[in-house]
């Protein structure tokens, strides 16, 4: 899954903090950010200006039910 374009990142991160499991952002370059980490949240906010990085990044939830909780912010990755 990836973040939808134009998503409210603050709202997304607030919802991610409420998820039961860990939520990760995987970049095409191989970086993995734990989005429950405050430092990683700051990094994500700094990446918002670089849409190319976020377009190729994927959101990975460790618990399947967390995808439902984040569904307003995510879309399927094109294969």
N, C-alpha and C. Protein backbone atom coordinates (compact mmCIF):
# COMPACT_ATOMS: atom_id res chain seq x y z
N UNK A 1 0.85 -1.17 0.00
CA UNK A 1 0.00 0.00 0.00
C UNK A 1 0.89 1.24 0.00
N UNK A 2 0.35 2.31 -0.53
CA UNK A 2 1.09 3.57 -0.50
C UNK A 2 0.16 4.68 -0.04
N UNK A 3 0.77 5.79 0.37
CA UNK A 3 -0.02 6.94 0.79
C UNK A 3 -0.73 7.55 -0.41
N UNK A 4 -1.98 7.94 -0.21
CA UNK A 4 -2.72 8.64 -1.25
C UNK A 4 -2.11 10.02 -1.42
N UNK A 5 -2.23 10.55 -2.62
CA UNK A 5 -1.76 11.92 -2.86
C UNK A 5 -2.63 12.90 -2.10
N UNK A 6 -2.00 13.93 -1.56
CA UNK A 6 -2.74 14.98 -0.87
C UNK A 6 -3.23 14.59 0.51
N UNK A 7 -2.73 13.48 1.05
CA UNK A 7 -3.18 13.02 2.36
C UNK A 7 -2.72 14.01 3.44
N UNK A 8 -3.54 14.16 4.46
CA UNK A 8 -3.17 14.97 5.62
C UNK A 8 -2.22 14.13 6.46
N UNK A 9 -0.94 14.44 6.40
CA UNK A 9 0.08 13.62 7.05
C UNK A 9 -0.08 13.63 8.57
N UNK A 10 -0.41 14.76 9.14
CA UNK A 10 -0.59 14.82 10.60
C UNK A 10 -1.71 13.89 11.04
N UNK A 11 -2.80 13.89 10.31
CA UNK A 11 -3.92 13.01 10.63
C UNK A 11 -3.52 11.54 10.44
N UNK A 12 -2.78 11.26 9.36
CA UNK A 12 -2.30 9.90 9.10
C UNK A 12 -1.42 9.41 10.26
N UNK A 13 -0.47 10.23 10.69
CA UNK A 13 0.42 9.83 11.77
C UNK A 13 -0.32 9.65 13.09
N UNK A 14 -1.30 10.50 13.33
CA UNK A 14 -2.11 10.37 14.54
C UNK A 14 -2.85 9.03 14.54
N UNK A 15 -3.40 8.65 13.39
CA UNK A 15 -4.08 7.37 13.28
C UNK A 15 -3.09 6.21 13.37
N UNK A 16 -1.92 6.36 12.77
CA UNK A 16 -0.89 5.31 12.83
C UNK A 16 -0.47 5.03 14.27
N UNK A 17 -0.39 6.07 15.09
CA UNK A 17 -0.02 5.89 16.50
C UNK A 17 -1.05 5.04 17.24
N UNK A 18 -2.28 5.03 16.78
CA UNK A 18 -3.36 4.28 17.43
C UNK A 18 -3.41 2.82 16.98
N UNK A 19 -2.66 2.48 15.96
CA UNK A 19 -2.68 1.11 15.44
C UNK A 19 -2.08 0.13 16.44
N UNK A 20 -2.53 -1.10 16.39
CA UNK A 20 -2.07 -2.13 17.33
C UNK A 20 -0.63 -2.55 17.07
N UNK A 21 -0.25 -2.67 15.80
CA UNK A 21 1.09 -3.13 15.46
C UNK A 21 1.96 -2.00 14.95
N UNK A 22 3.15 -2.38 14.54
CA UNK A 22 4.09 -1.41 13.99
C UNK A 22 3.69 -1.06 12.56
N UNK A 23 3.95 0.18 12.17
CA UNK A 23 3.67 0.67 10.83
C UNK A 23 5.00 1.18 10.26
N UNK A 24 5.36 0.71 9.08
CA UNK A 24 6.64 1.07 8.48
C UNK A 24 6.45 1.72 7.12
N UNK A 25 7.36 2.62 6.78
CA UNK A 25 7.46 3.20 5.45
C UNK A 25 8.73 2.61 4.83
N UNK A 26 8.57 1.90 3.72
CA UNK A 26 9.70 1.30 2.99
C UNK A 26 9.92 2.15 1.74
N UNK A 27 11.12 2.70 1.58
CA UNK A 27 11.42 3.48 0.39
C UNK A 27 12.06 2.59 -0.67
N UNK A 28 12.02 3.05 -1.90
CA UNK A 28 12.62 2.32 -3.02
C UNK A 28 14.13 2.17 -2.81
N UNK A 29 14.72 3.12 -2.10
CA UNK A 29 16.16 3.10 -1.84
C UNK A 29 16.56 2.10 -0.76
N UNK A 30 15.57 1.49 -0.11
CA UNK A 30 15.85 0.49 0.91
C UNK A 30 15.76 0.98 2.34
N UNK A 31 15.37 2.23 2.53
CA UNK A 31 15.21 2.76 3.88
C UNK A 31 13.89 2.26 4.47
N UNK A 32 13.89 2.01 5.77
CA UNK A 32 12.69 1.58 6.47
C UNK A 32 12.51 2.48 7.69
N UNK A 33 11.37 3.17 7.73
CA UNK A 33 11.06 4.06 8.85
C UNK A 33 9.91 3.49 9.66
N UNK A 34 10.11 3.38 10.97
CA UNK A 34 9.04 2.97 11.87
C UNK A 34 8.21 4.22 12.17
N UNK A 35 6.99 4.26 11.66
CA UNK A 35 6.18 5.48 11.76
C UNK A 35 5.58 5.71 13.14
N UNK A 36 5.86 4.82 14.09
CA UNK A 36 5.47 5.09 15.47
C UNK A 36 6.61 5.78 16.22
N UNK A 37 7.75 5.90 15.57
CA UNK A 37 8.91 6.58 16.13
C UNK A 37 8.79 8.07 15.82
N UNK A 38 8.98 8.90 16.82
CA UNK A 38 8.88 10.35 16.62
C UNK A 38 9.94 10.84 15.64
N UNK A 39 11.14 10.31 15.72
CA UNK A 39 12.19 10.71 14.79
C UNK A 39 11.81 10.36 13.36
N UNK A 40 11.28 9.15 13.15
CA UNK A 40 10.85 8.74 11.81
C UNK A 40 9.69 9.60 11.31
N UNK A 41 8.83 10.03 12.20
CA UNK A 41 7.73 10.91 11.81
C UNK A 41 8.26 12.24 11.30
N UNK A 42 9.30 12.76 11.94
CA UNK A 42 9.93 14.00 11.47
C UNK A 42 10.56 13.80 10.10
N UNK A 43 11.19 12.64 9.90
CA UNK A 43 11.79 12.34 8.60
C UNK A 43 10.70 12.29 7.54
N UNK A 44 9.57 11.63 7.84
CA UNK A 44 8.46 11.57 6.89
C UNK A 44 7.97 12.97 6.53
N UNK A 45 7.83 13.81 7.52
CA UNK A 45 7.38 15.18 7.26
C UNK A 45 8.36 15.92 6.36
N UNK A 46 9.65 15.67 6.53
CA UNK A 46 10.64 16.33 5.66
C UNK A 46 10.58 15.77 4.24
N UNK A 47 10.16 14.51 4.09
CA UNK A 47 10.05 13.90 2.76
C UNK A 47 8.83 14.39 1.99
N UNK A 48 7.90 15.03 2.66
CA UNK A 48 6.67 15.48 2.00
C UNK A 48 6.98 16.44 0.85
N UNK A 49 8.09 17.14 0.91
CA UNK A 49 8.47 18.05 -0.16
C UNK A 49 9.06 17.33 -1.36
N UNK A 50 9.37 16.05 -1.18
CA UNK A 50 9.97 15.25 -2.25
C UNK A 50 8.98 14.16 -2.65
N UNK A 51 8.00 14.53 -3.46
CA UNK A 51 6.93 13.59 -3.80
C UNK A 51 7.44 12.35 -4.52
N UNK A 52 8.58 12.46 -5.23
CA UNK A 52 9.12 11.31 -5.95
C UNK A 52 9.46 10.18 -4.98
N UNK A 53 10.03 10.52 -3.84
CA UNK A 53 10.37 9.50 -2.84
C UNK A 53 9.11 8.85 -2.31
N UNK A 54 8.10 9.65 -1.98
CA UNK A 54 6.87 9.10 -1.42
C UNK A 54 6.05 8.32 -2.45
N UNK A 55 6.12 8.71 -3.71
CA UNK A 55 5.39 7.98 -4.75
C UNK A 55 5.87 6.54 -4.86
N UNK A 56 7.15 6.32 -4.59
CA UNK A 56 7.73 4.99 -4.70
C UNK A 56 7.81 4.26 -3.36
N UNK A 57 7.35 4.88 -2.29
CA UNK A 57 7.42 4.28 -0.96
C UNK A 57 6.16 3.46 -0.68
N UNK A 58 6.31 2.47 0.17
CA UNK A 58 5.18 1.63 0.55
C UNK A 58 4.98 1.66 2.06
N UNK A 59 3.73 1.61 2.46
CA UNK A 59 3.37 1.50 3.87
C UNK A 59 3.13 0.03 4.17
N UNK A 60 3.79 -0.47 5.20
CA UNK A 60 3.67 -1.88 5.58
C UNK A 60 3.21 -1.95 7.03
N UNK A 61 2.09 -2.63 7.25
CA UNK A 61 1.55 -2.83 8.60
C UNK A 61 1.87 -4.25 9.06
N UNK A 62 2.30 -4.38 10.30
CA UNK A 62 2.63 -5.69 10.83
C UNK A 62 1.37 -6.48 11.22
N UNK A 63 0.28 -5.78 11.45
CA UNK A 63 -0.97 -6.45 11.77
C UNK A 63 -2.01 -6.07 10.72
N UNK A 64 -2.64 -7.07 10.14
CA UNK A 64 -3.56 -6.87 9.01
C UNK A 64 -4.68 -5.88 9.32
N UNK A 65 -5.20 -5.89 10.53
CA UNK A 65 -6.32 -5.01 10.87
C UNK A 65 -5.92 -3.53 10.85
N UNK A 66 -4.63 -3.25 10.94
CA UNK A 66 -4.18 -1.86 10.89
C UNK A 66 -4.38 -1.26 9.50
N UNK A 67 -4.35 -2.07 8.45
CA UNK A 67 -4.63 -1.56 7.10
C UNK A 67 -6.05 -0.99 7.04
N UNK A 68 -6.99 -1.63 7.73
CA UNK A 68 -8.37 -1.12 7.76
C UNK A 68 -8.44 0.22 8.47
N UNK A 69 -7.68 0.32 9.56
CA UNK A 69 -7.67 1.56 10.33
C UNK A 69 -7.09 2.72 9.51
N UNK A 70 -6.15 2.40 8.62
CA UNK A 70 -5.48 3.42 7.82
C UNK A 70 -6.05 3.53 6.41
N UNK A 71 -7.13 2.85 6.13
CA UNK A 71 -7.66 2.76 4.76
C UNK A 71 -7.98 4.12 4.13
N UNK A 72 -8.34 5.12 4.92
CA UNK A 72 -8.65 6.44 4.35
C UNK A 72 -7.39 7.12 3.79
N UNK A 73 -6.23 6.65 4.18
CA UNK A 73 -4.97 7.29 3.80
C UNK A 73 -4.16 6.49 2.79
N UNK A 74 -4.58 5.24 2.53
CA UNK A 74 -3.78 4.34 1.70
C UNK A 74 -4.50 3.94 0.42
N UNK A 75 -3.68 3.58 -0.58
CA UNK A 75 -4.21 3.02 -1.82
C UNK A 75 -3.30 1.87 -2.24
N UNK A 76 -3.83 0.99 -3.04
CA UNK A 76 -3.07 -0.16 -3.50
C UNK A 76 -1.93 0.29 -4.39
N UNK A 77 -0.85 -0.45 -4.36
CA UNK A 77 0.31 -0.18 -5.20
C UNK A 77 0.04 -0.79 -6.58
N UNK A 78 0.32 -0.02 -7.64
CA UNK A 78 0.18 -0.54 -9.00
C UNK A 78 1.23 -1.61 -9.26
N UNK A 79 0.80 -2.70 -9.85
CA UNK A 79 1.75 -3.79 -10.13
C UNK A 79 2.38 -3.63 -11.48
